[in-house]
Amino acid sequence: MSATGIIEARPDDYPAIADIYNEAIRAGNASMEETLKAPSDIAGWVRAFHSRERLYAQLQGGDVLGWGIIKRYSDREGYRFACETAVYLRQTQTRKGYGSAMKRHLIAQASAFGYRHMVAKVFATNEASIRYNLQFGYSIVGTQNEVGFKDGRWLDIVIMQLILK
């Protein structure tokens, strides 16, 4: 893996972030989204963020290779110490260590924001993503059977958690 930088995403990064997310939406194995996103959709996410939510871009030579997000698990006060994270990379950039660098960044940032509990929701059929989260200390806490419906079929989601100490 060559050196990359992780920064808080800027409006100039939104087209690439949308493009990367659209790759995942088209692939159909990492997002329940079905509608492709435009840069304006990404801007809308950021405008609606709470003070402890962030979108990060992973750059190499000025190109966005991937992105990561920290979102509150819920807006209900009792969940204020729980967040959900996700990492997406360009399909050509997987298995090169970039996702691991982003995940480490998200864990550090979530801790700095005062979160104690991190959640990852993963397609049950996405074994690589499950293994990826396990390597960071996440544990599987359950499976939601047939919780999603996409491309004419019911999908199971594995719920994973990481308790920050």
Protein backbone atom coordinates (compact mmCIF):
# COMPACT_ATOMS: atom_id res chain seq x y z
CA MET A 1 0.00 0.00 0.00
CA SER A 2 1.42 3.37 -0.92
CA ALA A 3 0.85 6.36 1.31
CA THR A 4 -2.62 7.82 1.48
CA GLY A 5 -4.11 10.64 3.45
CA ILE A 6 -7.45 10.63 5.20
CA ILE A 7 -9.18 13.97 5.49
CA GLU A 8 -12.61 15.27 6.34
CA ALA A 9 -14.41 15.16 2.99
CA ARG A 10 -14.68 18.44 1.10
CA PRO A 11 -17.32 19.39 -1.47
CA ASP A 12 -14.76 18.75 -4.22
CA ASP A 13 -14.59 15.13 -3.01
CA TYR A 14 -18.36 14.54 -3.21
CA PRO A 15 -18.42 13.52 -6.91
CA ALA A 16 -15.84 10.78 -6.29
CA ILE A 17 -17.58 9.68 -3.07
CA ALA A 18 -20.86 9.39 -4.98
CA ASP A 19 -19.10 7.43 -7.74
CA ILE A 20 -17.55 5.00 -5.24
CA TYR A 21 -20.88 4.54 -3.47
CA ASN A 22 -22.62 3.98 -6.80
CA GLU A 23 -20.15 1.17 -7.56
CA ALA A 24 -21.27 -0.52 -4.33
CA ILE A 25 -24.94 0.09 -5.05
CA ARG A 26 -24.56 -1.47 -8.50
CA ALA A 27 -22.60 -4.44 -7.11
CA GLY A 28 -25.49 -5.12 -4.75
CA ASN A 29 -23.54 -6.74 -1.92
CA ALA A 30 -22.68 -3.90 0.44
CA SER A 31 -25.55 -1.40 0.57
CA MET A 32 -29.31 -1.58 0.82
CA GLU A 33 -29.49 1.55 -1.31
CA GLU A 34 -31.01 1.03 -4.74
CA THR A 35 -30.97 4.58 -6.08
CA LEU A 36 -27.67 5.90 -7.39
CA LYS A 37 -26.35 8.98 -5.63
CA ALA A 38 -25.32 12.35 -7.03
CA PRO A 39 -22.78 14.69 -5.41
CA SER A 40 -25.73 16.77 -4.19
CA ASP A 41 -26.96 13.75 -2.23
CA ILE A 42 -23.60 13.49 -0.48
CA ALA A 43 -23.71 17.22 0.29
CA GLY A 44 -27.16 16.67 1.79
CA TRP A 45 -25.80 13.99 4.13
CA VAL A 46 -23.09 16.34 5.38
CA ARG A 47 -25.47 19.28 5.81
CA ALA A 48 -27.72 17.08 8.00
CA PHE A 49 -24.87 15.78 10.18
CA HIS A 50 -24.94 16.05 13.94
CA SER A 51 -21.80 17.51 15.54
CA ARG A 52 -20.36 14.00 16.11
CA GLU A 53 -20.90 12.69 12.58
CA ARG A 54 -18.29 12.90 9.86
CA LEU A 55 -17.56 11.89 6.29
CA TYR A 56 -13.92 11.20 5.44
CA ALA A 57 -12.18 10.88 2.08
CA GLN A 58 -9.11 8.75 1.53
CA LEU A 59 -6.78 10.41 -0.94
CA GLN A 60 -3.76 9.34 -2.91
CA GLY A 61 -2.15 11.88 -5.19
CA GLY A 62 -5.31 13.99 -5.11
CA ASP A 63 -7.56 11.07 -6.15
CA VAL A 64 -10.25 9.75 -3.83
CA LEU A 65 -9.71 6.00 -3.33
CA GLY A 66 -12.40 5.52 -0.73
CA TRP A 67 -14.45 7.04 1.99
CA GLY A 68 -15.62 6.33 5.51
CA ILE A 69 -18.45 7.62 7.62
CA ILE A 70 -19.30 7.92 11.29
CA LYS A 71 -23.00 8.34 11.99
CA ARG A 72 -24.94 8.31 15.21
CA TYR A 73 -26.63 4.98 15.79
CA SER A 74 -29.82 6.81 16.72
CA ASP A 75 -30.92 10.34 17.53
CA ARG A 76 -32.46 9.09 20.80
CA GLU A 77 -30.43 10.41 23.75
CA GLY A 78 -29.90 7.02 25.36
CA TYR A 79 -27.92 5.92 22.31
CA ARG A 80 -25.59 8.93 22.41
CA PHE A 81 -22.53 6.73 22.96
CA ALA A 82 -23.24 4.45 19.97
CA CYS A 83 -22.33 5.09 16.35
CA GLU A 84 -22.48 3.25 13.06
CA THR A 85 -19.59 3.27 10.62
CA ALA A 86 -19.05 2.21 7.03
CA VAL A 87 -16.08 2.09 4.66
CA TYR A 88 -16.31 2.02 0.86
CA LEU A 89 -13.42 1.76 -1.59
CA ARG A 90 -13.18 1.89 -5.34
CA GLN A 91 -13.50 -1.70 -6.49
CA THR A 92 -10.01 -1.49 -8.01
CA GLN A 93 -8.53 -0.51 -4.63
CA THR A 94 -9.77 -3.33 -2.38
CA ARG A 95 -7.42 -5.74 -0.60
CA LYS A 96 -4.55 -3.26 -0.60
CA GLY A 97 -4.81 -2.10 3.02
CA TYR A 98 -6.70 1.11 2.32
CA GLY A 99 -9.87 -0.10 4.02
CA SER A 100 -7.89 -1.08 7.10
CA ALA A 101 -6.31 2.37 7.27
CA MET A 102 -9.75 3.96 7.04
CA LYS A 103 -11.23 1.62 9.68
CA ARG A 104 -8.39 2.46 12.09
CA HIS A 105 -9.07 6.16 11.44
CA LEU A 106 -12.80 5.73 12.10
CA ILE A 107 -12.16 3.86 15.34
CA ALA A 108 -9.80 6.58 16.56
CA GLN A 109 -12.21 9.36 15.57
CA ALA A 110 -15.22 7.62 17.12
CA SER A 111 -13.28 7.28 20.35
CA ALA A 112 -12.26 10.96 20.22
CA PHE A 113 -15.93 11.90 19.72
CA GLY A 114 -16.80 10.06 22.93
CA TYR A 115 -18.48 7.05 21.36
CA ARG A 116 -18.16 3.77 23.24
CA HIS A 117 -20.05 1.40 20.96
CA MET A 118 -19.51 1.02 17.22
CA VAL A 119 -21.92 -0.88 15.00
CA ALA A 120 -21.37 -2.38 11.57
CA LYS A 121 -24.19 -3.87 9.50
CA VAL A 122 -22.96 -6.35 6.89
CA PHE A 123 -24.70 -8.48 4.28
CA ALA A 124 -24.62 -12.03 5.65
CA THR A 125 -23.27 -13.21 2.30
CA ASN A 126 -20.36 -10.72 2.39
CA GLU A 127 -17.88 -12.97 4.18
CA ALA A 128 -14.91 -10.74 3.32
CA SER A 129 -16.50 -7.76 5.05
CA ILE A 130 -17.38 -9.85 8.09
CA ARG A 131 -13.75 -11.08 8.35
CA TYR A 132 -12.55 -7.49 7.83
CA ASN A 133 -14.55 -6.22 10.81
CA LEU A 134 -13.58 -9.20 12.99
CA GLN A 135 -9.90 -8.35 12.52
CA PHE A 136 -10.53 -5.00 14.23
CA GLY A 137 -12.10 -6.63 17.27
CA TYR A 138 -15.74 -6.44 16.24
CA SER A 139 -17.90 -9.33 17.36
CA ILE A 140 -21.00 -10.72 15.73
CA VAL A 141 -23.99 -10.06 17.95
CA GLY A 142 -26.70 -11.44 15.70
CA THR A 143 -28.30 -11.77 12.33
CA GLN A 144 -31.43 -10.02 11.18
CA ASN A 145 -33.07 -12.56 8.90
CA GLU A 146 -34.82 -11.28 5.79
CA VAL A 147 -34.60 -7.67 6.99
CA GLY A 148 -33.76 -6.32 3.55
CA PHE A 149 -35.36 -6.78 0.15
CA LYS A 150 -33.29 -6.02 -2.92
CA ASP A 151 -33.19 -7.31 -6.47
CA GLY A 152 -36.23 -9.49 -5.88
CA ARG A 153 -34.88 -11.37 -2.88
CA TRP A 154 -34.84 -11.19 0.90
CA LEU A 155 -31.48 -10.48 2.50
CA ASP A 156 -30.03 -11.23 5.93
CA ILE A 157 -27.82 -8.70 7.72
CA VAL A 158 -25.15 -9.55 10.28
CA ILE A 159 -24.93 -7.04 13.11
CA MET A 160 -21.44 -6.53 14.50
CA GLN A 161 -20.24 -4.39 17.38
CA LEU A 162 -17.01 -3.05 18.76
CA ILE A 163 -16.90 -1.80 22.35
CA LEU A 164 -14.31 0.97 22.73
CA LYS A 165 -12.55 1.08 26.06
